[in-house]
Amino acid sequence: MNNRFLIYCALAFVLALGLRLTLAALWYSADLGVDRFQSGDYLLYDLGAEQILSQHDFSNSLFLARTPLFPLLVAALGQNDVLVLLVNALLGALIAPLTLVLARQLGLNNRAALLAGVIVALDPASIVYSTYMGPEPLANLLLLAMAVGLLALLHTQRIGPTAAWAAFAGAALALSSLARPASYMLWPLLALVLLIVRRRLWFAALTFAAVSAAGVFAWTAHNGAVFGNATFSTVGAYTQLYCRAASVEHFATNREMRPIYIDLNERVAERVGWEGEVTSGTRYEFYAATPEIQSAMQSVAIEIFLKYPLWFVATLPIGLARMYGWTNTLPNWFTPIEIVWNIALYASAAWGMWGAFRRKEWTLFIGIGLMIAYYTLGTLWVANACMDTRMRSMLTPFLAVAAAYALIVIRKIRVQYTQN
């Protein structure tokens, strides 16, 4: 790394941190309100931190739904909410300079890499969900570190450093999954692709897979031993039923959501022999699910998808719009501005991906394409409602690199036309 590149990294970081701290200052209130800095889930993470500090274990059932890394961070910060917010802003800001590293690894020059970092720094969703009391900044930074590690091993010829980078990337992905479960099934896909495109790196691919899998399976084994439910997280089954299947049934039947929730709860309760009154709020009792409840939620969701397959497909654009369209916590007057920003970002990224395909820049095209496909398809499988651009915040660095690459494509086209 030369001095100019380091200066660019510092500039991207200062810009990103400044914007995130500015938003935190503008929105600050003594209660760190649910409408701005959190969705209400922070209470669970705080309870998890309290469990860790008082009992030194993960025996609270909330850990069935919420993986432990972010509660560990909250505990390490002494459950100081303001400090948690500031550390999250710092972690989110670090994504910007690390995006420059990713861009350089993918063949972009210093100026294009700086553009990618600035896009991350300015991205509204990234700003909001860095200035946020949730696991996203930590999980997204670790995910980006994983990508940087994998690209580093591709550029390394010696076995020792290659294995070290593979272990680093595997650990980063495992930790990202332990911060936010969305990534926990990414490791076999990446390991398989690495084996296909770089057969000589078979040992590195196996090392990466082994380290990632060790983290995932260790937490799964913990849940099996402590709660009798050997699952990485129950949040996927819960979300699939109440944020995807419920939405499909709503559009298919035109019924209100409250009776739909009651009906879904009754169907789950009947399958597991649930005793007691069933209301629309009974679904919250299923959040940290037993194996029977988790299986019942998944079965009911699949039944609805099979009953209304056309509506399952028809509601996909709604999920895409929510995932890639706008951020719910921003004021309404800013929504049109954000939508225009997002359209420009996605159009530039698409142009960059097309350019990478045409120019056979396979590492960029396949790497970024896999990340976008995994998180988009995975999210749309389990959610249609209950989401906004928070669900694509982990993709911002990859979209930014593709968008910055579009600038290179445009410049090359201009040079070709000028020469002709």
Protein backbone atom coordinates (compact mmCIF):
# COMPACT_ATOMS: atom_id res chain seq x y z
CA MET A 1 0.00 0.00 0.00
CA ASN A 2 1.39 3.39 -0.98
CA ASN A 3 0.97 6.62 0.95
CA ARG A 4 -1.71 7.98 -1.35
CA PHE A 5 -3.86 4.90 -0.83
CA LEU A 6 -3.51 5.19 2.94
CA ILE A 7 -4.53 8.84 2.74
CA TYR A 8 -7.60 7.83 0.71
CA CYS A 9 -8.49 5.23 3.34
CA ALA A 10 -8.16 7.83 6.09
CA LEU A 11 -10.34 10.30 4.16
CA ALA A 12 -13.06 7.69 3.63
CA PHE A 13 -12.98 6.77 7.31
CA VAL A 14 -13.15 10.39 8.52
CA LEU A 15 -16.04 11.13 6.18
CA ALA A 16 -17.93 8.00 7.22
CA LEU A 17 -17.36 8.51 10.95
CA GLY A 18 -18.25 12.19 10.75
CA LEU A 19 -21.58 11.51 9.04
CA ARG A 20 -22.49 8.74 11.48
CA LEU A 21 -21.63 10.79 14.55
CA THR A 22 -23.49 13.78 13.11
CA LEU A 23 -26.65 11.72 12.66
CA ALA A 24 -26.27 10.33 16.19
CA ALA A 25 -25.97 13.86 17.56
CA LEU A 26 -28.97 15.13 15.58
CA TRP A 27 -31.18 12.23 16.64
CA TYR A 28 -29.94 11.87 20.18
CA SER A 29 -32.42 11.63 23.00
CA ALA A 30 -31.95 10.41 26.56
CA ASP A 31 -33.98 7.24 25.94
CA LEU A 32 -32.28 6.40 22.58
CA GLY A 33 -35.74 5.87 21.14
CA VAL A 34 -37.03 2.86 19.27
CA ASP A 35 -38.06 5.01 16.31
CA ARG A 36 -34.47 6.00 15.47
CA PHE A 37 -31.64 4.04 17.06
CA GLN A 38 -33.29 0.64 17.39
CA SER A 39 -36.30 -1.45 16.40
CA GLY A 40 -36.97 -2.77 19.91
CA ASP A 41 -34.71 -5.80 19.49
CA TYR A 42 -31.94 -4.14 21.48
CA LEU A 43 -33.81 -5.10 24.65
CA LEU A 44 -33.06 -8.75 23.89
CA TYR A 45 -29.38 -8.06 23.28
CA ASP A 46 -29.21 -6.09 26.51
CA LEU A 47 -30.88 -8.95 28.39
CA GLY A 48 -28.36 -11.29 26.80
CA ALA A 49 -25.52 -9.07 28.00
CA GLU A 50 -27.01 -9.07 31.49
CA GLN A 51 -27.14 -12.87 31.41
CA ILE A 52 -23.50 -13.02 30.36
CA LEU A 53 -22.37 -10.61 33.08
CA SER A 54 -24.41 -12.18 35.89
CA GLN A 55 -24.40 -15.88 35.05
CA HIS A 56 -21.40 -16.13 32.71
CA ASP A 57 -23.28 -18.36 30.28
CA PHE A 58 -25.78 -18.37 27.42
CA SER A 59 -28.56 -20.29 29.17
CA ASN A 60 -31.30 -17.69 28.60
CA SER A 61 -33.67 -18.94 25.89
CA LEU A 62 -33.31 -15.65 24.01
CA PHE A 63 -30.01 -17.04 22.70
CA LEU A 64 -31.99 -19.54 20.64
CA ALA A 65 -33.07 -16.64 18.45
CA ARG A 66 -30.20 -14.20 19.00
CA THR A 67 -26.62 -15.30 18.42
CA PRO A 68 -24.10 -14.31 21.11
CA LEU A 69 -21.45 -12.01 19.64
CA PHE A 70 -23.33 -8.72 19.84
CA PRO A 71 -24.56 -9.39 23.40
CA LEU A 72 -20.92 -10.13 24.26
CA LEU A 73 -19.97 -6.73 22.86
CA VAL A 74 -22.74 -5.04 24.86
CA ALA A 75 -21.51 -6.85 27.97
CA ALA A 76 -17.90 -5.82 27.29
CA LEU A 77 -19.08 -2.20 27.09
CA GLY A 78 -20.77 -2.50 30.47
CA GLN A 79 -24.30 -2.26 29.01
CA ASN A 80 -23.63 1.44 28.42
CA ASP A 81 -26.14 2.28 25.69
CA VAL A 82 -24.41 5.45 24.54
CA LEU A 83 -21.07 3.66 24.35
CA VAL A 84 -22.69 0.84 22.35
CA LEU A 85 -24.03 3.43 19.91
CA LEU A 86 -20.64 5.12 19.54
CA VAL A 87 -18.76 1.84 19.08
CA ASN A 88 -21.29 0.77 16.43
CA ALA A 89 -20.75 4.07 14.62
CA LEU A 90 -16.99 3.42 14.72
CA LEU A 91 -17.40 -0.15 13.43
CA GLY A 92 -19.72 1.04 10.67
CA ALA A 93 -17.27 3.77 9.67
CA LEU A 94 -14.43 1.23 9.39
CA ILE A 95 -16.35 -0.46 6.58
CA ALA A 96 -15.58 2.50 4.30
CA PRO A 97 -11.75 2.21 4.31
CA LEU A 98 -11.94 -1.58 4.22
CA THR A 99 -14.05 -1.19 1.07
CA LEU A 100 -11.05 0.54 -0.52
CA VAL A 101 -8.95 -2.53 0.27
CA LEU A 102 -11.60 -4.76 -1.31
CA ALA A 103 -11.70 -2.57 -4.41
CA ARG A 104 -7.93 -2.66 -4.87
CA GLN A 105 -7.92 -6.43 -4.45
CA LEU A 106 -10.51 -6.63 -7.23
CA GLY A 107 -8.31 -4.63 -9.60
CA LEU A 108 -9.66 -1.10 -9.24
CA ASN A 109 -7.20 1.78 -9.20
CA ASN A 110 -6.79 4.12 -6.23
CA ARG A 111 -9.30 6.72 -7.43
CA ALA A 112 -11.98 4.17 -8.22
CA ALA A 113 -11.35 2.52 -4.85
CA LEU A 114 -11.76 5.91 -3.17
CA LEU A 115 -15.07 6.35 -4.99
CA ALA A 116 -16.24 2.98 -3.63
CA GLY A 117 -15.30 4.02 -0.10
CA VAL A 118 -17.06 7.36 -0.46
CA ILE A 119 -20.21 5.61 -1.70
CA VAL A 120 -20.19 3.48 1.46
CA ALA A 121 -19.58 6.56 3.59
CA LEU A 122 -22.49 8.44 1.99
CA ASP A 123 -24.97 5.58 1.62
CA PRO A 124 -28.08 6.45 3.69
CA ALA A 125 -28.79 2.86 4.74
CA SER A 126 -25.17 2.40 5.82
CA ILE A 127 -25.24 5.62 7.84
CA VAL A 128 -28.52 4.77 9.57
CA TYR A 129 -27.62 1.16 10.35
CA SER A 130 -24.18 2.09 11.62
CA THR A 131 -25.77 4.67 13.91
CA TYR A 132 -27.88 1.87 15.30
CA MET A 133 -28.04 -0.32 18.40
CA GLY A 134 -28.01 -3.64 16.62
CA PRO A 135 -25.55 -6.25 15.35
CA GLU A 136 -25.35 -4.94 11.78
CA PRO A 137 -22.14 -2.84 12.01
CA LEU A 138 -20.23 -5.66 13.70
CA ALA A 139 -21.62 -8.39 11.43
CA ASN A 140 -21.13 -6.37 8.24
CA LEU A 141 -17.55 -5.38 9.09
CA LEU A 142 -16.65 -9.01 9.80
CA LEU A 143 -18.30 -10.13 6.56
CA LEU A 144 -16.24 -7.62 4.61
CA ALA A 145 -13.11 -8.77 6.44
CA MET A 146 -13.95 -12.32 5.30
CA ALA A 147 -14.11 -11.17 1.66
CA VAL A 148 -10.79 -9.35 2.01
CA GLY A 149 -9.24 -12.48 3.51
CA LEU A 150 -10.46 -14.71 0.68
CA LEU A 151 -9.15 -12.32 -1.96
CA ALA A 152 -5.83 -12.12 -0.16
CA LEU A 153 -5.41 -15.88 -0.36
CA LEU A 154 -6.19 -15.76 -4.09
CA HIS A 155 -3.24 -13.39 -4.54
CA THR A 156 -0.89 -15.48 -2.39
CA GLN A 157 1.26 -18.19 -3.93
CA ARG A 158 2.83 -19.82 -0.87
CA ILE A 159 0.98 -22.52 1.08
CA GLY A 160 1.61 -21.09 4.54
CA PRO A 161 0.20 -17.58 3.97
CA THR A 162 -2.63 -19.04 1.89
CA ALA A 163 -3.72 -21.30 4.77
CA ALA A 164 -3.40 -18.39 7.21
CA TRP A 165 -5.63 -16.16 5.09
CA ALA A 166 -8.11 -19.02 4.68
CA ALA A 167 -8.28 -19.47 8.45
CA PHE A 168 -8.67 -15.72 8.92
CA ALA A 169 -11.51 -15.57 6.38
CA GLY A 170 -13.22 -18.60 7.92
CA ALA A 171 -13.01 -17.12 11.41
CA ALA A 172 -14.33 -13.75 10.18
CA LEU A 173 -17.32 -15.41 8.52
CA ALA A 174 -18.05 -17.55 11.59
CA LEU A 175 -17.91 -14.47 13.82
CA SER A 176 -20.13 -12.52 11.41
CA SER A 177 -22.67 -15.33 11.62
CA LEU A 178 -22.43 -15.31 15.40
CA ALA A 179 -23.18 -11.58 15.31
CA ARG A 180 -26.10 -11.90 12.87
CA PRO A 181 -27.33 -15.32 11.65
CA ALA A 182 -27.95 -14.29 8.03
CA SER A 183 -24.49 -15.50 6.97
CA TYR A 184 -24.35 -18.89 8.62
CA MET A 185 -24.98 -20.90 5.43
CA LEU A 186 -22.61 -18.88 3.23
CA TRP A 187 -19.45 -20.89 3.97
CA PRO A 188 -20.24 -24.06 1.92
CA LEU A 189 -21.17 -21.96 -1.12
CA LEU A 190 -17.96 -19.94 -1.00
CA ALA A 191 -15.81 -23.00 -0.32
CA LEU A 192 -17.36 -24.85 -3.26
CA VAL A 193 -16.82 -21.90 -5.62
CA LEU A 194 -13.24 -21.55 -4.42
CA LEU A 195 -12.63 -25.24 -5.17
CA ILE A 196 -14.12 -24.88 -8.64
CA VAL A 197 -12.30 -21.73 -9.74
CA ARG A 198 -8.96 -22.44 -8.01
CA ARG A 199 -8.46 -26.19 -7.75
CA ARG A 200 -4.88 -25.78 -6.63
CA LEU A 201 -6.21 -24.00 -3.53
CA TRP A 202 -8.09 -27.07 -2.31
CA PHE A 203 -6.30 -27.00 1.04
CA ALA A 204 -7.18 -23.33 1.55
CA ALA A 205 -10.81 -24.00 0.61
CA LEU A 206 -11.01 -26.86 3.10
CA THR A 207 -9.34 -24.73 5.78
CA PHE A 208 -11.80 -21.92 5.20
CA ALA A 209 -14.75 -24.31 5.31
CA ALA A 210 -13.47 -26.11 8.41
CA VAL A 211 -12.95 -22.93 10.43
CA SER A 212 -16.29 -21.43 9.38
CA ALA A 213 -18.14 -24.67 10.01
CA ALA A 214 -16.51 -25.06 13.41
CA GLY A 215 -17.99 -21.76 14.56
CA VAL A 216 -21.44 -22.55 13.17
CA PHE A 217 -21.59 -26.11 14.49
CA ALA A 218 -20.19 -25.14 17.90
CA TRP A 219 -23.08 -22.73 18.46
CA THR A 220 -25.56 -25.25 17.06
CA ALA A 221 -24.22 -27.86 19.45
CA HIS A 222 -24.53 -25.40 22.33
CA ASN A 223 -28.21 -24.84 21.56
CA GLY A 224 -28.75 -28.57 21.34
CA ALA A 225 -27.06 -29.22 24.66
CA VAL A 226 -28.59 -26.31 26.60
CA PHE A 227 -32.04 -25.96 25.03
CA GLY A 228 -32.59 -29.33 23.38
CA ASN A 229 -32.85 -27.66 19.97
CA ALA A 230 -29.79 -28.22 17.78
CA THR A 231 -30.34 -25.22 15.53
CA PHE A 232 -28.16 -22.21 14.81
CA SER A 233 -31.07 -19.81 15.30
CA THR A 234 -34.85 -20.05 15.47
CA VAL A 235 -35.34 -16.60 14.01
CA GLY A 236 -35.41 -17.92 10.42
CA ALA A 237 -38.44 -20.18 10.98
CA TYR A 238 -40.23 -17.45 12.94
CA THR A 239 -39.58 -14.83 10.27
CA GLN A 240 -40.54 -17.18 7.45
CA LEU A 241 -43.95 -17.77 8.97
CA TYR A 242 -44.82 -14.33 10.31
CA CYS A 243 -42.97 -12.04 7.87
CA ARG A 244 -43.28 -14.09 4.66
CA ALA A 245 -46.11 -16.63 4.79
CA ALA A 246 -48.40 -14.22 6.67
CA SER A 247 -47.80 -11.62 3.95
CA VAL A 248 -48.55 -14.14 1.19
CA GLU A 249 -51.82 -15.12 2.88
CA HIS A 250 -52.73 -11.46 3.40
CA PHE A 251 -52.41 -10.67 -0.32
CA ALA A 252 -54.02 -13.95 -1.39
CA THR A 253 -57.09 -13.65 0.86
CA ASN A 254 -57.31 -9.88 1.44
CA ARG A 255 -57.77 -10.54 5.16
CA GLU A 256 -56.50 -8.25 7.90
CA MET A 257 -53.25 -9.18 9.57
CA ARG A 258 -54.58 -9.72 13.10
CA PRO A 259 -56.93 -12.64 12.21
CA ILE A 260 -54.18 -14.08 10.01
CA TYR A 261 -51.76 -14.07 12.94
CA ILE A 262 -54.38 -15.74 15.15
CA ASP A 263 -55.02 -18.39 12.51
CA LEU A 264 -51.30 -19.10 12.08
CA ASN A 265 -50.83 -19.29 15.83
CA GLU A 266 -53.73 -21.73 16.16
CA ARG A 267 -52.29 -23.96 13.44
CA VAL A 268 -48.88 -24.05 15.13
CA ALA A 269 -50.46 -24.54 18.57
CA GLU A 270 -52.57 -27.43 17.33
CA ARG A 271 -49.56 -29.25 15.92
CA VAL A 272 -47.54 -29.00 19.11
CA GLY A 273 -50.37 -29.42 21.63
CA TRP A 274 -50.06 -25.86 22.93
CA GLU A 275 -52.21 -25.28 25.99
CA GLY A 276 -53.79 -21.95 26.82
CA GLU A 277 -55.54 -19.15 24.99
CA VAL A 278 -54.27 -18.33 21.51
CA THR A 279 -54.23 -14.67 20.50
CA SER A 280 -52.45 -12.67 17.80
CA GLY A 281 -49.62 -12.10 20.30
CA THR A 282 -49.09 -15.80 20.96
CA ARG A 283 -46.56 -15.76 18.14
CA TYR A 284 -44.06 -14.08 20.46
CA GLU A 285 -44.14 -17.22 22.60
CA PHE A 286 -42.81 -19.11 19.58
CA TYR A 287 -39.77 -16.85 19.09
CA ALA A 288 -37.31 -18.96 21.07
CA ALA A 289 -38.81 -22.17 19.75
CA THR A 290 -38.55 -25.78 20.78
CA PRO A 291 -37.72 -28.22 17.96
CA GLU A 292 -41.43 -29.09 17.70
CA ILE A 293 -42.54 -25.45 17.44
CA GLN A 294 -39.78 -24.63 14.98
CA SER A 295 -40.77 -27.57 12.78
CA ALA A 296 -44.44 -26.61 13.03
CA MET A 297 -43.73 -23.01 11.98
CA GLN A 298 -41.73 -24.18 8.98
CA SER A 299 -44.42 -26.69 7.98
CA VAL A 300 -47.23 -24.14 8.19
CA ALA A 301 -45.20 -21.64 6.16
CA ILE A 302 -44.49 -24.18 3.41
CA GLU A 303 -48.16 -25.17 3.31
CA ILE A 304 -49.11 -21.55 2.65
CA PHE A 305 -46.47 -21.21 -0.07
CA LEU A 306 -47.77 -24.36 -1.78
CA LYS A 307 -51.39 -23.23 -1.40
CA TYR A 308 -50.71 -19.82 -2.97
CA PRO A 309 -47.68 -20.32 -5.25
CA LEU A 310 -48.62 -17.50 -7.61
CA TRP A 311 -48.96 -15.08 -4.72
CA PHE A 312 -45.60 -16.24 -3.39
CA VAL A 313 -44.06 -15.20 -6.70
CA ALA A 314 -46.19 -12.08 -7.07
CA THR A 315 -45.08 -10.71 -3.71
CA LEU A 316 -41.36 -11.06 -4.50
CA PRO A 317 -41.18 -7.55 -6.04
CA ILE A 318 -42.66 -6.14 -2.83
CA GLY A 319 -39.89 -7.76 -0.83
CA LEU A 320 -37.27 -6.51 -3.30
CA ALA A 321 -38.65 -2.98 -3.06
CA ARG A 322 -38.51 -3.05 0.72
CA MET A 323 -35.07 -4.61 0.85
CA TYR A 324 -33.49 -2.31 -1.71
CA GLY A 325 -35.81 0.70 -1.71
CA TRP A 326 -35.81 2.83 1.41
CA THR A 327 -35.01 3.00 5.12
CA ASN A 328 -38.01 3.16 7.44
CA THR A 329 -36.31 5.15 10.19
CA LEU A 330 -35.48 8.16 8.02
CA PRO A 331 -38.00 11.03 7.82
CA ASN A 332 -40.61 10.79 5.07
CA TRP A 333 -39.30 13.86 3.22
CA PHE A 334 -35.97 12.09 2.72
CA THR A 335 -37.47 8.92 1.20
CA PRO A 336 -37.59 10.22 -2.43
CA ILE A 337 -33.95 11.32 -2.13
CA GLU A 338 -32.94 7.91 -0.81
CA ILE A 339 -34.85 6.11 -3.55
CA VAL A 340 -33.06 8.18 -6.21
CA TRP A 341 -29.71 7.44 -4.52
CA ASN A 342 -30.49 3.72 -4.44
CA ILE A 343 -31.58 3.61 -8.07
CA ALA A 344 -28.36 5.34 -9.09
CA LEU A 345 -26.31 2.95 -6.94
CA TYR A 346 -27.97 -0.18 -8.29
CA ALA A 347 -27.89 1.00 -11.90
CA SER A 348 -24.18 1.82 -11.61
CA ALA A 349 -23.49 -1.50 -9.92
CA ALA A 350 -25.40 -3.38 -12.64
CA TRP A 351 -23.42 -1.54 -15.31
CA GLY A 352 -20.21 -2.40 -13.53
CA MET A 353 -21.17 -6.05 -13.25
CA TRP A 354 -22.03 -6.16 -16.95
CA GLY A 355 -18.69 -4.56 -17.74
CA ALA A 356 -16.89 -7.10 -15.55
CA PHE A 357 -18.67 -9.92 -17.38
CA ARG A 358 -17.84 -8.50 -20.80
CA ARG A 359 -14.18 -8.03 -19.83
CA LYS A 360 -13.98 -11.44 -18.13
CA GLU A 361 -13.14 -9.99 -14.73
CA TRP A 362 -14.39 -13.19 -13.17
CA THR A 363 -13.23 -12.61 -9.61
CA LEU A 364 -15.19 -9.38 -9.40
CA PHE A 365 -18.21 -10.68 -11.30
CA ILE A 366 -18.52 -14.03 -9.54
CA GLY A 367 -17.55 -12.79 -6.09
CA ILE A 368 -19.92 -9.84 -5.94
CA GLY A 369 -22.65 -11.71 -7.82
CA LEU A 370 -22.57 -14.58 -5.31
CA MET A 371 -22.86 -12.23 -2.35
CA ILE A 372 -25.81 -10.38 -3.88
CA ALA A 373 -27.57 -13.61 -4.88
CA TYR A 374 -27.08 -15.31 -1.50
CA TYR A 375 -28.42 -12.47 0.63
CA THR A 376 -31.19 -11.45 -1.75
CA LEU A 377 -32.60 -14.94 -2.29
CA GLY A 378 -32.14 -15.91 1.34
CA THR A 379 -33.91 -12.80 2.56
CA LEU A 380 -36.82 -13.12 0.13
CA TRP A 381 -37.29 -16.75 1.14
CA VAL A 382 -37.91 -15.86 4.78
CA ALA A 383 -39.23 -12.29 4.67
CA ASN A 384 -41.43 -10.02 2.63
CA ALA A 385 -42.65 -7.66 5.33
CA CYS A 386 -40.80 -6.57 8.51
CA MET A 387 -37.82 -5.23 6.57
CA ASP A 388 -36.20 -2.35 4.76
CA THR A 389 -32.69 -1.53 3.51
CA ARG A 390 -31.22 -2.91 6.75
CA MET A 391 -31.52 -6.27 4.98
CA ARG A 392 -29.11 -5.18 2.24
CA SER A 393 -26.72 -3.16 4.40
CA MET A 394 -24.16 -5.99 4.31
CA LEU A 395 -24.08 -5.72 0.51
CA THR A 396 -23.26 -2.00 0.34
CA PRO A 397 -19.44 -2.43 0.03
CA PHE A 398 -19.88 -4.94 -2.80
CA LEU A 399 -22.43 -2.77 -4.60
CA ALA A 400 -20.13 0.23 -4.14
CA VAL A 401 -17.17 -1.61 -5.70
CA ALA A 402 -19.29 -2.68 -8.67
CA ALA A 403 -20.58 0.89 -9.07
CA ALA A 404 -17.03 2.27 -8.92
CA TYR A 405 -15.93 -0.29 -11.51
CA ALA A 406 -18.61 1.11 -13.80
CA LEU A 407 -16.59 4.33 -13.89
CA ILE A 408 -13.62 2.38 -15.23
CA VAL A 409 -15.86 0.76 -17.85
CA ILE A 410 -17.21 4.14 -18.95
CA ARG A 411 -13.72 5.63 -19.19
CA LYS A 412 -12.50 2.70 -21.30
CA ILE A 413 -15.47 3.09 -23.63
CA ARG A 414 -14.73 6.80 -23.99
CA VAL A 415 -11.09 6.06 -24.79
CA GLN A 416 -12.11 3.51 -27.43
CA TYR A 417 -14.48 5.97 -29.11
CA THR A 418 -11.86 8.72 -28.97
CA GLN A 419 -9.26 6.49 -30.58
CA ASN A 420 -11.70 5.43 -33.30
